[in-house]
Amino acid sequence: MKKIVVVGSLNVDFVVSTPRLPKEGQTVLGHSFDKFPGGKGANQSVGMARLGADVTHIGKVGADDHGKLLRRSLEKAGIRLDGLIEDESAPTGMAFIQIADTGANTIVVVPGANMRLLPPDLDPFIPLLKQADLVVLQNEIPLETNLKAARAGRKAGAVVIYNPAPFQPGSERLCILADLIVPNEIELTEFTRLPATTEKEIERAAERLLQKGEARAVVVTLGLRGCMIRDRSGAEFLPAIDVKAVDTTAAGDAFIAGMTWALSEGNDLRESVRLANEVAGYAVTILGAQSSLPTREQLEQFRAQLKR
């Protein structure tokens, strides 16, 4: 089984369900409040592990109850925690999420300990990165830490998968080191300063991003419209799974998890993206981030339902 190392964020999500998202200065009455383990890095790790992948997570939490909650969540999913660091000087990261009845959301993240995962913190874990077959990165930790992880993975011959969310200035430096870049259309525009609304615009912007480095492909996630694969030979759009969305919070993380797991199983990129669409389709039908990520059995049941 191929080894995956995820270097990334861990947050506790505070989720309010509301009939509609409030406008500036407006107050609305919500339906409910919940607390879930989350963070882009942790969500992706849990998603892969639930599908059966061999995953090690490198990240940082605070020495608080929220950090303990996240540790328990990762342990329950079967993730190796050799790289989980506890920082007594910073709180665990938090995300404050509003979800409308349509499934649309707004998110404010307070990074806390995530932004204290500094390049020297990776030194004890370089052997883990050197043993990895795939290294997965996002943008909720310092850029220089991501760069160090990407260089270590690339030097060891690992496939480096980069999810540039949220966009950070200077992220272009990571594109040079990544084998696969997976932005959404907003991040694609921020990278290229090109419009990314129509299919032609998305293809053109993805081609521009592909030219920035040696990546073999750019995979653009497009929400309800599905996704686009742009590699050196051309572009292909794949439709989204037709489901009723309840919560789209972790859809992108579910997609990354599904794609990386499928690649680790030996699938080619197109098949891996197709499976990623199904994992994301399952995830948006359930409230919460990590709570919405399917096991392999749940994914198989979901796929069987789709065929009916």
C-alpha atoms as a PDB file:
ATOM      1  CA  MET A   1       0.000   0.000   0.000  1.00  0.00           C
ATOM      2  CA  LYS A   2       1.355   3.423  -0.970  1.00  0.00           C
ATOM      3  CA  LYS A   3       2.134   5.853   1.850  1.00  0.00           C
ATOM      4  CA  ILE A   4       0.490   9.291   1.986  1.00  0.00           C
ATOM      5  CA  VAL A   5       1.766  12.158   4.119  1.00  0.00           C
ATOM      6  CA  VAL A   6      -0.504  15.165   4.622  1.00  0.00           C
ATOM      7  CA  VAL A   7       1.128  18.330   5.950  1.00  0.00           C
ATOM      8  CA  GLY A   8      -1.631  20.695   6.953  1.00  0.00           C
ATOM      9  CA  SER A   9      -4.105  22.385   9.208  1.00  0.00           C
ATOM     10  CA  LEU A  10      -6.298  21.138  12.020  1.00  0.00           C
ATOM     11  CA  ASN A  11      -9.285  23.234  13.132  1.00  0.00           C
ATOM     12  CA  VAL A  12     -12.388  22.851  15.231  1.00  0.00           C
ATOM     13  CA  ASP A  13     -15.432  23.949  13.210  1.00  0.00           C
ATOM     14  CA  PHE A  14     -18.205  25.913  14.924  1.00  0.00           C
ATOM     15  CA  VAL A  15     -21.190  25.526  12.606  1.00  0.00           C
ATOM     16  CA  VAL A  16     -24.433  27.533  12.590  1.00  0.00           C
ATOM     17  CA  SER A  17     -27.271  26.357  10.336  1.00  0.00           C
ATOM     18  CA  THR A  18     -29.415  29.233   9.132  1.00  0.00           C
ATOM     19  CA  PRO A  19     -32.275  29.738   6.635  1.00  0.00           C
ATOM     20  CA  ARG A  20     -30.110  32.155   4.635  1.00  0.00           C
ATOM     21  CA  LEU A  21     -26.726  33.819   4.923  1.00  0.00           C
ATOM     22  CA  PRO A  22     -27.020  37.277   6.506  1.00  0.00           C
ATOM     23  CA  LYS A  23     -26.173  40.382   4.534  1.00  0.00           C
ATOM     24  CA  GLU A  24     -23.784  42.956   5.975  1.00  0.00           C
ATOM     25  CA  GLY A  25     -25.329  44.422   9.140  1.00  0.00           C
ATOM     26  CA  GLN A  26     -28.233  41.939   9.122  1.00  0.00           C
ATOM     27  CA  THR A  27     -29.218  39.548  11.924  1.00  0.00           C
ATOM     28  CA  VAL A  28     -30.943  36.254  11.132  1.00  0.00           C
ATOM     29  CA  LEU A  29     -32.185  33.512  13.456  1.00  0.00           C
ATOM     30  CA  GLY A  30     -30.359  30.209  13.021  1.00  0.00           C
ATOM     31  CA  HIS A  31     -31.707  26.661  13.234  1.00  0.00           C
ATOM     32  CA  SER A  32     -28.908  24.994  15.209  1.00  0.00           C
ATOM     33  CA  PHE A  33     -25.301  25.061  16.375  1.00  0.00           C
ATOM     34  CA  ASP A  34     -22.783  22.199  16.194  1.00  0.00           C
ATOM     35  CA  LYS A  35     -19.068  21.655  16.790  1.00  0.00           C
ATOM     36  CA  PHE A  36     -17.063  19.364  14.500  1.00  0.00           C
ATOM     37  CA  PRO A  37     -13.402  18.431  13.969  1.00  0.00           C
ATOM     38  CA  GLY A  38     -12.155  20.073  10.763  1.00  0.00           C
ATOM     39  CA  GLY A  39      -9.359  21.978   9.038  1.00  0.00           C
ATOM     40  CA  LYS A  40      -8.442  21.376   5.406  1.00  0.00           C
ATOM     41  CA  GLY A  41      -5.427  19.214   6.178  1.00  0.00           C
ATOM     42  CA  ALA A  42      -7.179  17.117   8.823  1.00  0.00           C
ATOM     43  CA  ASN A  43     -10.302  16.737   6.672  1.00  0.00           C
ATOM     44  CA  GLN A  44      -8.232  15.443   3.779  1.00  0.00           C
ATOM     45  CA  SER A  45      -6.305  13.046   6.029  1.00  0.00           C
ATOM     46  CA  VAL A  46      -9.510  11.653   7.550  1.00  0.00           C
ATOM     47  CA  GLY A  47     -11.147  11.339   4.135  1.00  0.00           C
ATOM     48  CA  MET A  48      -8.249   9.295   2.765  1.00  0.00           C
ATOM     49  CA  ALA A  49      -7.938   7.104   5.864  1.00  0.00           C
ATOM     50  CA  ARG A  50     -11.663   6.282   5.913  1.00  0.00           C
ATOM     51  CA  LEU A  51     -11.371   5.068   2.351  1.00  0.00           C
ATOM     52  CA  GLY A  52      -8.564   2.735   3.418  1.00  0.00           C
ATOM     53  CA  ALA A  53      -5.395   4.726   2.639  1.00  0.00           C
ATOM     54  CA  ASP A  54      -2.180   4.627   4.700  1.00  0.00           C
ATOM     55  CA  VAL A  55      -2.003   8.222   5.995  1.00  0.00           C
ATOM     56  CA  THR A  56       0.376  10.116   8.269  1.00  0.00           C
ATOM     57  CA  HIS A  57      -0.570  13.652   9.323  1.00  0.00           C
ATOM     58  CA  ILE A  58       1.947  16.381  10.162  1.00  0.00           C
ATOM     59  CA  GLY A  59       0.457  19.433  11.852  1.00  0.00           C
ATOM     60  CA  LYS A  60       0.162  21.459  15.038  1.00  0.00           C
ATOM     61  CA  VAL A  61      -2.601  21.921  17.625  1.00  0.00           C
ATOM     62  CA  GLY A  62      -2.818  23.794  20.901  1.00  0.00           C
ATOM     63  CA  ALA A  63      -2.545  22.200  24.352  1.00  0.00           C
ATOM     64  CA  ASP A  64      -6.285  22.570  24.876  1.00  0.00           C
ATOM     65  CA  ASP A  65      -9.532  20.586  24.700  1.00  0.00           C
ATOM     66  CA  HIS A  66      -9.939  21.420  21.008  1.00  0.00           C
ATOM     67  CA  GLY A  67      -6.559  19.866  20.285  1.00  0.00           C
ATOM     68  CA  LYS A  68      -7.605  16.715  22.162  1.00  0.00           C
ATOM     69  CA  LEU A  69     -10.824  16.571  20.115  1.00  0.00           C
ATOM     70  CA  LEU A  70      -8.861  16.672  16.874  1.00  0.00           C
ATOM     71  CA  ARG A  71      -6.365  14.065  18.051  1.00  0.00           C
ATOM     72  CA  ARG A  72      -9.215  11.691  18.938  1.00  0.00           C
ATOM     73  CA  SER A  73     -10.815  12.243  15.533  1.00  0.00           C
ATOM     74  CA  LEU A  74      -7.597  11.428  13.668  1.00  0.00           C
ATOM     75  CA  GLU A  75      -6.911   8.402  15.841  1.00  0.00           C
ATOM     76  CA  LYS A  76     -10.437   7.082  15.262  1.00  0.00           C
ATOM     77  CA  ALA A  77      -9.903   7.332  11.499  1.00  0.00           C
ATOM     78  CA  GLY A  78      -6.717   5.267  11.758  1.00  0.00           C
ATOM     79  CA  ILE A  79      -4.272   8.052  10.871  1.00  0.00           C
ATOM     80  CA  ARG A  80      -0.654   7.851  11.993  1.00  0.00           C
ATOM     81  CA  LEU A  81       0.062  10.767  14.342  1.00  0.00           C
ATOM     82  CA  ASP A  82       3.876  10.621  14.444  1.00  0.00           C
ATOM     83  CA  GLY A  83       3.898  14.207  13.144  1.00  0.00           C
ATOM     84  CA  LEU A  84       1.219  15.789  15.355  1.00  0.00           C
ATOM     85  CA  ILE A  85       2.776  18.540  17.505  1.00  0.00           C
ATOM     86  CA  GLU A  86       1.184  20.156  20.567  1.00  0.00           C
ATOM     87  CA  ASP A  87       1.994  23.845  21.062  1.00  0.00           C
ATOM     88  CA  GLU A  88       1.423  25.236  24.573  1.00  0.00           C
ATOM     89  CA  SER A  89       1.785  28.843  23.425  1.00  0.00           C
ATOM     90  CA  ALA A  90      -1.067  28.971  20.886  1.00  0.00           C
ATOM     91  CA  PRO A  91      -4.694  27.826  20.745  1.00  0.00           C
ATOM     92  CA  THR A  92      -5.915  25.176  18.343  1.00  0.00           C
ATOM     93  CA  GLY A  93      -7.179  26.601  15.053  1.00  0.00           C
ATOM     94  CA  MET A  94     -10.880  27.405  14.772  1.00  0.00           C
ATOM     95  CA  ALA A  95     -13.313  27.951  11.898  1.00  0.00           C
ATOM     96  CA  PHE A  96     -16.635  29.760  12.226  1.00  0.00           C
ATOM     97  CA  ILE A  97     -19.059  28.540   9.570  1.00  0.00           C
ATOM     98  CA  GLN A  98     -22.542  29.675   8.555  1.00  0.00           C
ATOM     99  CA  ILE A  99     -24.547  27.252   6.395  1.00  0.00           C
ATOM    100  CA  ALA A 100     -27.736  28.263   4.605  1.00  0.00           C
ATOM    101  CA  ASP A 101     -30.604  25.913   3.758  1.00  0.00           C
ATOM    102  CA  THR A 102     -29.328  25.881   0.159  1.00  0.00           C
ATOM    103  CA  GLY A 103     -26.007  24.394   1.325  1.00  0.00           C
ATOM    104  CA  ALA A 104     -24.095  27.618   0.623  1.00  0.00           C
ATOM    105  CA  ASN A 105     -21.695  28.716   3.336  1.00  0.00           C
ATOM    106  CA  THR A 106     -19.390  31.429   4.621  1.00  0.00           C
ATOM    107  CA  ILE A 107     -16.274  30.604   6.646  1.00  0.00           C
ATOM    108  CA  VAL A 108     -13.935  32.640   8.842  1.00  0.00           C
ATOM    109  CA  VAL A 109     -10.798  30.827  10.023  1.00  0.00           C
ATOM    110  CA  VAL A 110      -8.681  31.774  13.057  1.00  0.00           C
ATOM    111  CA  PRO A 111      -5.505  29.761  12.342  1.00  0.00           C
ATOM    112  CA  GLY A 112      -4.043  29.629  15.864  1.00  0.00           C
ATOM    113  CA  ALA A 113      -1.406  26.889  16.155  1.00  0.00           C
ATOM    114  CA  ASN A 114      -1.567  26.119  12.431  1.00  0.00           C
ATOM    115  CA  MET A 115       0.434  29.222  11.589  1.00  0.00           C
ATOM    116  CA  ARG A 116       3.048  28.225  14.158  1.00  0.00           C
ATOM    117  CA  LEU A 117       3.958  25.097  12.188  1.00  0.00           C
ATOM    118  CA  LEU A 118       7.302  26.528  11.072  1.00  0.00           C
ATOM    119  CA  PRO A 119       9.916  24.973   8.741  1.00  0.00           C
ATOM    120  CA  PRO A 120      12.205  23.792  11.613  1.00  0.00           C
ATOM    121  CA  ASP A 121       9.235  21.837  13.021  1.00  0.00           C
ATOM    122  CA  LEU A 122       9.487  19.546  10.005  1.00  0.00           C
ATOM    123  CA  ASP A 123      13.094  18.502  10.700  1.00  0.00           C
ATOM    124  CA  PRO A 124      12.194  15.446  12.852  1.00  0.00           C
ATOM    125  CA  PHE A 125       9.720  14.324  10.191  1.00  0.00           C
ATOM    126  CA  ILE A 126      11.886  14.522   7.075  1.00  0.00           C
ATOM    127  CA  PRO A 127      12.295  10.699   7.199  1.00  0.00           C
ATOM    128  CA  LEU A 128       8.480  10.408   7.013  1.00  0.00           C
ATOM    129  CA  LEU A 129       8.405  12.683   3.968  1.00  0.00           C
ATOM    130  CA  LYS A 130      11.222  10.724   2.336  1.00  0.00           C
ATOM    131  CA  GLN A 131       9.217   7.513   2.706  1.00  0.00           C
ATOM    132  CA  ALA A 132       6.039   8.997   1.231  1.00  0.00           C
ATOM    133  CA  ASP A 133       4.643   8.047  -2.156  1.00  0.00           C
ATOM    134  CA  LEU A 134       2.290  11.036  -2.136  1.00  0.00           C
ATOM    135  CA  VAL A 135       2.608  14.342  -0.230  1.00  0.00           C
ATOM    136  CA  VAL A 136      -0.508  16.506   0.115  1.00  0.00           C
ATOM    137  CA  LEU A 137      -0.377  20.241   0.935  1.00  0.00           C
ATOM    138  CA  GLN A 138      -2.862  23.124   1.391  1.00  0.00           C
ATOM    139  CA  ASN A 139      -2.545  26.815   2.312  1.00  0.00           C
ATOM    140  CA  GLU A 140      -3.687  26.962   5.957  1.00  0.00           C
ATOM    141  CA  ILE A 141      -0.101  26.703   7.260  1.00  0.00           C
ATOM    142  CA  PRO A 142       2.908  28.968   6.529  1.00  0.00           C
ATOM    143  CA  LEU A 143       4.065  29.004   2.911  1.00  0.00           C
ATOM    144  CA  GLU A 144       7.707  28.356   3.825  1.00  0.00           C
ATOM    145  CA  THR A 145       6.689  25.183   5.688  1.00  0.00           C
ATOM    146  CA  ASN A 146       4.795  23.972   2.629  1.00  0.00           C
ATOM    147  CA  LEU A 147       7.812  24.719   0.446  1.00  0.00           C
ATOM    148  CA  LYS A 148      10.094  22.683   2.702  1.00  0.00           C
ATOM    149  CA  ALA A 149       7.668  19.751   2.709  1.00  0.00           C
ATOM    150  CA  ALA A 150       7.275  19.910  -1.080  1.00  0.00           C
ATOM    151  CA  ARG A 151      11.035  19.958  -1.646  1.00  0.00           C
ATOM    152  CA  ALA A 152      11.539  16.979   0.676  1.00  0.00           C
ATOM    153  CA  GLY A 153       8.764  15.017  -1.022  1.00  0.00           C
ATOM    154  CA  ARG A 154       9.927  15.868  -4.519  1.00  0.00           C
ATOM    155  CA  LYS A 155      13.517  14.945  -3.694  1.00  0.00           C
ATOM    156  CA  ALA A 156      12.296  11.538  -2.497  1.00  0.00           C
ATOM    157  CA  GLY A 157      10.309  10.979  -5.698  1.00  0.00           C
ATOM    158  CA  ALA A 158       6.857  11.431  -4.148  1.00  0.00           C
ATOM    159  CA  VAL A 159       3.886  12.825  -6.074  1.00  0.00           C
ATOM    160  CA  VAL A 160       3.265  16.303  -4.623  1.00  0.00           C
ATOM    161  CA  ILE A 161      -0.417  17.307  -4.638  1.00  0.00           C
ATOM    162  CA  TYR A 162      -1.074  20.979  -3.894  1.00  0.00           C
ATOM    163  CA  ASN A 163      -4.496  22.361  -2.980  1.00  0.00           C
ATOM    164  CA  PRO A 164      -3.908  26.169  -2.922  1.00  0.00           C
ATOM    165  CA  ALA A 165      -6.783  26.967  -0.565  1.00  0.00           C
ATOM    166  CA  PRO A 166      -7.081  29.642   0.595  1.00  0.00           C
ATOM    167  CA  PHE A 167      -4.885  31.517  -1.885  1.00  0.00           C
ATOM    168  CA  GLN A 168      -1.754  33.074  -0.383  1.00  0.00           C
ATOM    169  CA  PRO A 169       0.530  35.606  -2.091  1.00  0.00           C
ATOM    170  CA  GLY A 170       3.682  33.787  -3.148  1.00  0.00           C
ATOM    171  CA  SER A 171       1.885  30.484  -3.706  1.00  0.00           C
ATOM    172  CA  GLU A 172       3.261  30.444  -7.255  1.00  0.00           C
ATOM    173  CA  ARG A 173       6.511  29.178  -5.736  1.00  0.00           C
ATOM    174  CA  LEU A 174       4.731  25.977  -4.703  1.00  0.00           C
ATOM    175  CA  CYS A 175       3.283  25.446  -8.170  1.00  0.00           C
ATOM    176  CA  ILE A 176       6.819  24.953  -9.465  1.00  0.00           C
ATOM    177  CA  LEU A 177       7.261  22.012  -7.068  1.00  0.00           C
ATOM    178  CA  ALA A 178       3.840  20.374  -7.413  1.00  0.00           C
ATOM    179  CA  ASP A 179       2.942  17.451  -9.662  1.00  0.00           C
ATOM    180  CA  LEU A 180      -0.808  18.105  -9.377  1.00  0.00           C
ATOM    181  CA  ILE A 181      -2.376  21.488  -8.591  1.00  0.00           C
ATOM    182  CA  VAL A 182      -6.025  21.446  -7.466  1.00  0.00           C
ATOM    183  CA  PRO A 183      -7.596  24.945  -7.153  1.00  0.00           C
ATOM    184  CA  ASN A 184     -11.207  26.000  -7.395  1.00  0.00           C
ATOM    185  CA  GLU A 185     -12.196  28.631  -9.954  1.00  0.00           C
ATOM    186  CA  ILE A 186     -11.690  31.500  -7.484  1.00  0.00           C
ATOM    187  CA  GLU A 187      -8.165  30.382  -6.593  1.00  0.00           C
ATOM    188  CA  LEU A 188      -7.443  29.817 -10.286  1.00  0.00           C
ATOM    189  CA  THR A 189      -8.306  33.448 -10.999  1.00  0.00           C
ATOM    190  CA  GLU A 190      -6.206  34.636  -8.054  1.00  0.00           C
ATOM    191  CA  PHE A 191      -3.224  32.701  -9.401  1.00  0.00           C
ATOM    192  CA  THR A 192      -3.493  33.757 -13.020  1.00  0.00           C
ATOM    193  CA  ARG A 193      -5.417  37.063 -12.830  1.00  0.00           C
ATOM    194  CA  LEU A 194      -7.545  35.695 -15.647  1.00  0.00           C
ATOM    195  CA  PRO A 195     -11.343  35.282 -15.605  1.00  0.00           C
ATOM    196  CA  ALA A 196     -12.511  31.716 -14.906  1.00  0.00           C
ATOM    197  CA  THR A 197     -16.266  31.666 -15.470  1.00  0.00           C
ATOM    198  CA  THR A 198     -16.911  29.982 -18.824  1.00  0.00           C
ATOM    199  CA  GLU A 199     -15.405  26.645 -19.838  1.00  0.00           C
ATOM    200  CA  LYS A 200     -13.084  28.372 -22.315  1.00  0.00           C
ATOM    201  CA  GLU A 201     -11.927  30.838 -19.654  1.00  0.00           C
ATOM    202  CA  ILE A 202     -11.313  28.069 -17.126  1.00  0.00           C
ATOM    203  CA  GLU A 203      -9.342  26.053 -19.668  1.00  0.00           C
ATOM    204  CA  ARG A 204      -7.247  29.068 -20.636  1.00  0.00           C
ATOM    205  CA  ALA A 205      -6.511  29.996 -17.005  1.00  0.00           C
ATOM    206  CA  ALA A 206      -5.648  26.392 -16.130  1.00  0.00           C
ATOM    207  CA  GLU A 207      -3.265  26.276 -19.093  1.00  0.00           C
ATOM    208  CA  ARG A 208      -1.592  29.453 -17.819  1.00  0.00           C
ATOM    209  CA  LEU A 209      -1.196  27.877 -14.347  1.00  0.00           C
ATOM    210  CA  LEU A 210       0.183  24.693 -15.900  1.00  0.00           C
ATOM    211  CA  GLN A 211       2.858  26.754 -17.626  1.00  0.00           C
ATOM    212  CA  LYS A 212       4.156  28.107 -14.301  1.00  0.00           C
ATOM    213  CA  GLY A 213       5.967  24.892 -13.401  1.00  0.00           C
ATOM    214  CA  GLU A 214       6.413  21.239 -14.205  1.00  0.00           C
ATOM    215  CA  ALA A 215       3.039  19.996 -12.939  1.00  0.00           C
ATOM    216  CA  ARG A 216       1.603  17.171 -15.000  1.00  0.00           C
ATOM    217  CA  ALA A 217      -1.948  18.495 -14.580  1.00  0.00           C
ATOM    218  CA  VAL A 218      -4.220  21.128 -13.078  1.00  0.00           C
ATOM    219  CA  VAL A 219      -7.561  19.866 -11.742  1.00  0.00           C
ATOM    220  CA  VAL A 220     -10.066  22.697 -11.206  1.00  0.00           C
ATOM    221  CA  THR A 221     -13.012  22.023  -8.883  1.00  0.00           C
ATOM    222  CA  LEU A 222     -16.173  23.843  -9.957  1.00  0.00           C
ATOM    223  CA  GLY A 223     -18.796  23.021  -7.328  1.00  0.00           C
ATOM    224  CA  LEU A 224     -22.146  22.168  -8.895  1.00  0.00           C
ATOM    225  CA  ARG A 225     -20.551  22.214 -12.361  1.00  0.00           C
ATOM    226  CA  GLY A 226     -18.140  19.389 -11.543  1.00  0.00           C
ATOM    227  CA  CYS A 227     -14.467  19.780 -12.396  1.00  0.00           C
ATOM    228  CA  MET A 228     -11.965  20.134 -15.216  1.00  0.00           C
ATOM    229  CA  ILE A 229      -8.719  18.249 -15.850  1.00  0.00           C
ATOM    230  CA  ARG A 230      -6.135  20.220 -17.826  1.00  0.00           C
ATOM    231  CA  ASP A 231      -2.979  18.291 -18.628  1.00  0.00           C
ATOM    232  CA  ARG A 232      -0.297  18.684 -21.292  1.00  0.00           C
ATOM    233  CA  SER A 233      -2.513  17.032 -23.923  1.00  0.00           C
ATOM    234  CA  GLY A 234      -5.703  19.055 -23.436  1.00  0.00           C
ATOM    235  CA  ALA A 235      -8.732  19.649 -21.226  1.00  0.00           C
ATOM    236  CA  GLU A 236     -11.707  17.562 -20.131  1.00  0.00           C
ATOM    237  CA  PHE A 237     -14.760  18.584 -18.082  1.00  0.00           C
ATOM    238  CA  LEU A 238     -16.431  16.024 -15.799  1.00  0.00           C
ATOM    239  CA  PRO A 239     -19.918  16.752 -14.416  1.00  0.00           C
ATOM    240  CA  ALA A 240     -20.711  16.816 -10.696  1.00  0.00           C
ATOM    241  CA  ILE A 241     -22.792  14.096  -9.061  1.00  0.00           C
ATOM    242  CA  ASP A 242     -26.470  15.075  -9.038  1.00  0.00           C
ATOM    243  CA  VAL A 243     -27.467  15.166  -5.348  1.00  0.00           C
ATOM    244  CA  LYS A 244     -29.307  17.531  -2.997  1.00  0.00           C
ATOM    245  CA  ALA A 245     -26.600  19.449  -1.118  1.00  0.00           C
ATOM    246  CA  VAL A 246     -27.036  19.850   2.640  1.00  0.00           C
ATOM    247  CA  ASP A 247     -23.590  21.223   3.524  1.00  0.00           C
ATOM    248  CA  THR A 248     -20.847  22.025   1.008  1.00  0.00           C
ATOM    249  CA  THR A 249     -18.241  22.896   3.673  1.00  0.00           C
ATOM    250  CA  ALA A 250     -15.865  19.965   3.085  1.00  0.00           C
ATOM    251  CA  ALA A 251     -16.653  19.272  -0.568  1.00  0.00           C
ATOM    252  CA  GLY A 252     -13.223  20.380  -1.775  1.00  0.00           C
ATOM    253  CA  ASP A 253     -11.456  18.392   0.947  1.00  0.00           C
ATOM    254  CA  ALA A 254     -13.548  15.322   0.118  1.00  0.00           C
ATOM    255  CA  PHE A 255     -12.551  15.706  -3.526  1.00  0.00           C
ATOM    256  CA  ILE A 256      -8.830  15.900  -2.679  1.00  0.00           C
ATOM    257  CA  ALA A 257      -9.176  12.906  -0.347  1.00  0.00           C
ATOM    258  CA  GLY A 258     -10.979  10.817  -2.949  1.00  0.00           C
ATOM    259  CA  MET A 259      -8.533  11.692  -5.719  1.00  0.00           C
ATOM    260  CA  THR A 260      -5.430  11.026  -3.604  1.00  0.00           C
ATOM    261  CA  TRP A 261      -6.806   7.734  -2.286  1.00  0.00           C
ATOM    262  CA  ALA A 262      -7.656   6.613  -5.812  1.00  0.00           C
ATOM    263  CA  LEU A 263      -4.176   7.544  -7.076  1.00  0.00           C
ATOM    264  CA  SER A 264      -2.625   5.599  -4.190  1.00  0.00           C
ATOM    265  CA  GLU A 265      -4.663   2.586  -5.319  1.00  0.00           C
ATOM    266  CA  GLY A 266      -3.031   2.731  -8.752  1.00  0.00           C
ATOM    267  CA  ASN A 267      -5.802   4.451 -10.739  1.00  0.00           C
ATOM    268  CA  ASP A 268      -4.946   6.900 -13.506  1.00  0.00           C
ATOM    269  CA  LEU A 269      -5.757  10.585 -13.072  1.00  0.00           C
ATOM    270  CA  ARG A 270      -9.066  10.576 -14.955  1.00  0.00           C
ATOM    271  CA  GLU A 271     -10.448   7.621 -13.004  1.00  0.00           C
ATOM    272  CA  SER A 272      -9.157   9.143  -9.759  1.00  0.00           C
ATOM    273  CA  VAL A 273     -10.964  12.409 -10.520  1.00  0.00           C
ATOM    274  CA  ARG A 274     -14.154  10.519 -11.359  1.00  0.00           C
ATOM    275  CA  LEU A 275     -13.986   8.752  -7.987  1.00  0.00           C
ATOM    276  CA  ALA A 276     -13.201  12.068  -6.293  1.00  0.00           C
ATOM    277  CA  ASN A 277     -16.420  13.512  -7.727  1.00  0.00           C
ATOM    278  CA  GLU A 278     -18.354  10.661  -6.126  1.00  0.00           C
ATOM    279  CA  VAL A 279     -16.685  11.149  -2.735  1.00  0.00           C
ATOM    280  CA  ALA A 280     -17.472  14.883  -2.866  1.00  0.00           C
ATOM    281  CA  GLY A 281     -21.037  14.106  -3.974  1.00  0.00           C
ATOM    282  CA  TYR A 282     -21.511  11.903  -0.913  1.00  0.00           C
ATOM    283  CA  ALA A 283     -19.968  14.499   1.424  1.00  0.00           C
ATOM    284  CA  VAL A 284     -22.300  17.370   0.529  1.00  0.00           C
ATOM    285  CA  THR A 285     -25.358  15.315   1.547  1.00  0.00           C
ATOM    286  CA  ILE A 286     -24.296  15.254   5.236  1.00  0.00           C
ATOM    287  CA  LEU A 287     -23.799  18.085   7.755  1.00  0.00           C
ATOM    288  CA  GLY A 288     -20.281  18.687   9.045  1.00  0.00           C
ATOM    289  CA  ALA A 289     -16.780  18.382   7.644  1.00  0.00           C
ATOM    290  CA  GLN A 290     -15.158  15.156   8.828  1.00  0.00           C
ATOM    291  CA  SER A 291     -18.521  13.666   9.766  1.00  0.00           C
ATOM    292  CA  SER A 292     -19.512  13.805   6.075  1.00  0.00           C
ATOM    293  CA  LEU A 293     -16.509  11.872   4.717  1.00  0.00           C
ATOM    294  CA  PRO A 294     -17.405   8.323   3.644  1.00  0.00           C
ATOM    295  CA  THR A 295     -15.822   4.995   4.452  1.00  0.00           C
ATOM    296  CA  ARG A 296     -15.187   2.732   1.470  1.00  0.00           C
ATOM    297  CA  GLU A 297     -18.325   0.751   2.324  1.00  0.00           C
ATOM    298  CA  GLN A 298     -20.440   3.925   2.480  1.00  0.00           C
ATOM    299  CA  LEU A 299     -18.996   5.060  -0.844  1.00  0.00           C
ATOM    300  CA  GLU A 300     -19.869   1.723  -2.461  1.00  0.00           C
ATOM    301  CA  GLN A 301     -23.441   1.962  -1.138  1.00  0.00           C
ATOM    302  CA  PHE A 302     -23.686   5.524  -2.467  1.00  0.00           C
ATOM    303  CA  ARG A 303     -22.397   4.452  -5.881  1.00  0.00           C
ATOM    304  CA  ALA A 304     -24.946   1.635  -5.981  1.00  0.00           C
ATOM    305  CA  GLN A 305     -27.739   4.138  -5.257  1.00  0.00           C
ATOM    306  CA  LEU A 306     -26.524   6.370  -8.096  1.00  0.00           C
ATOM    307  CA  LYS A 307     -26.869   3.505 -10.561  1.00  0.00           C
ATOM    308  CA  ARG A 308     -30.529   2.891  -9.700  1.00  0.00           C
END
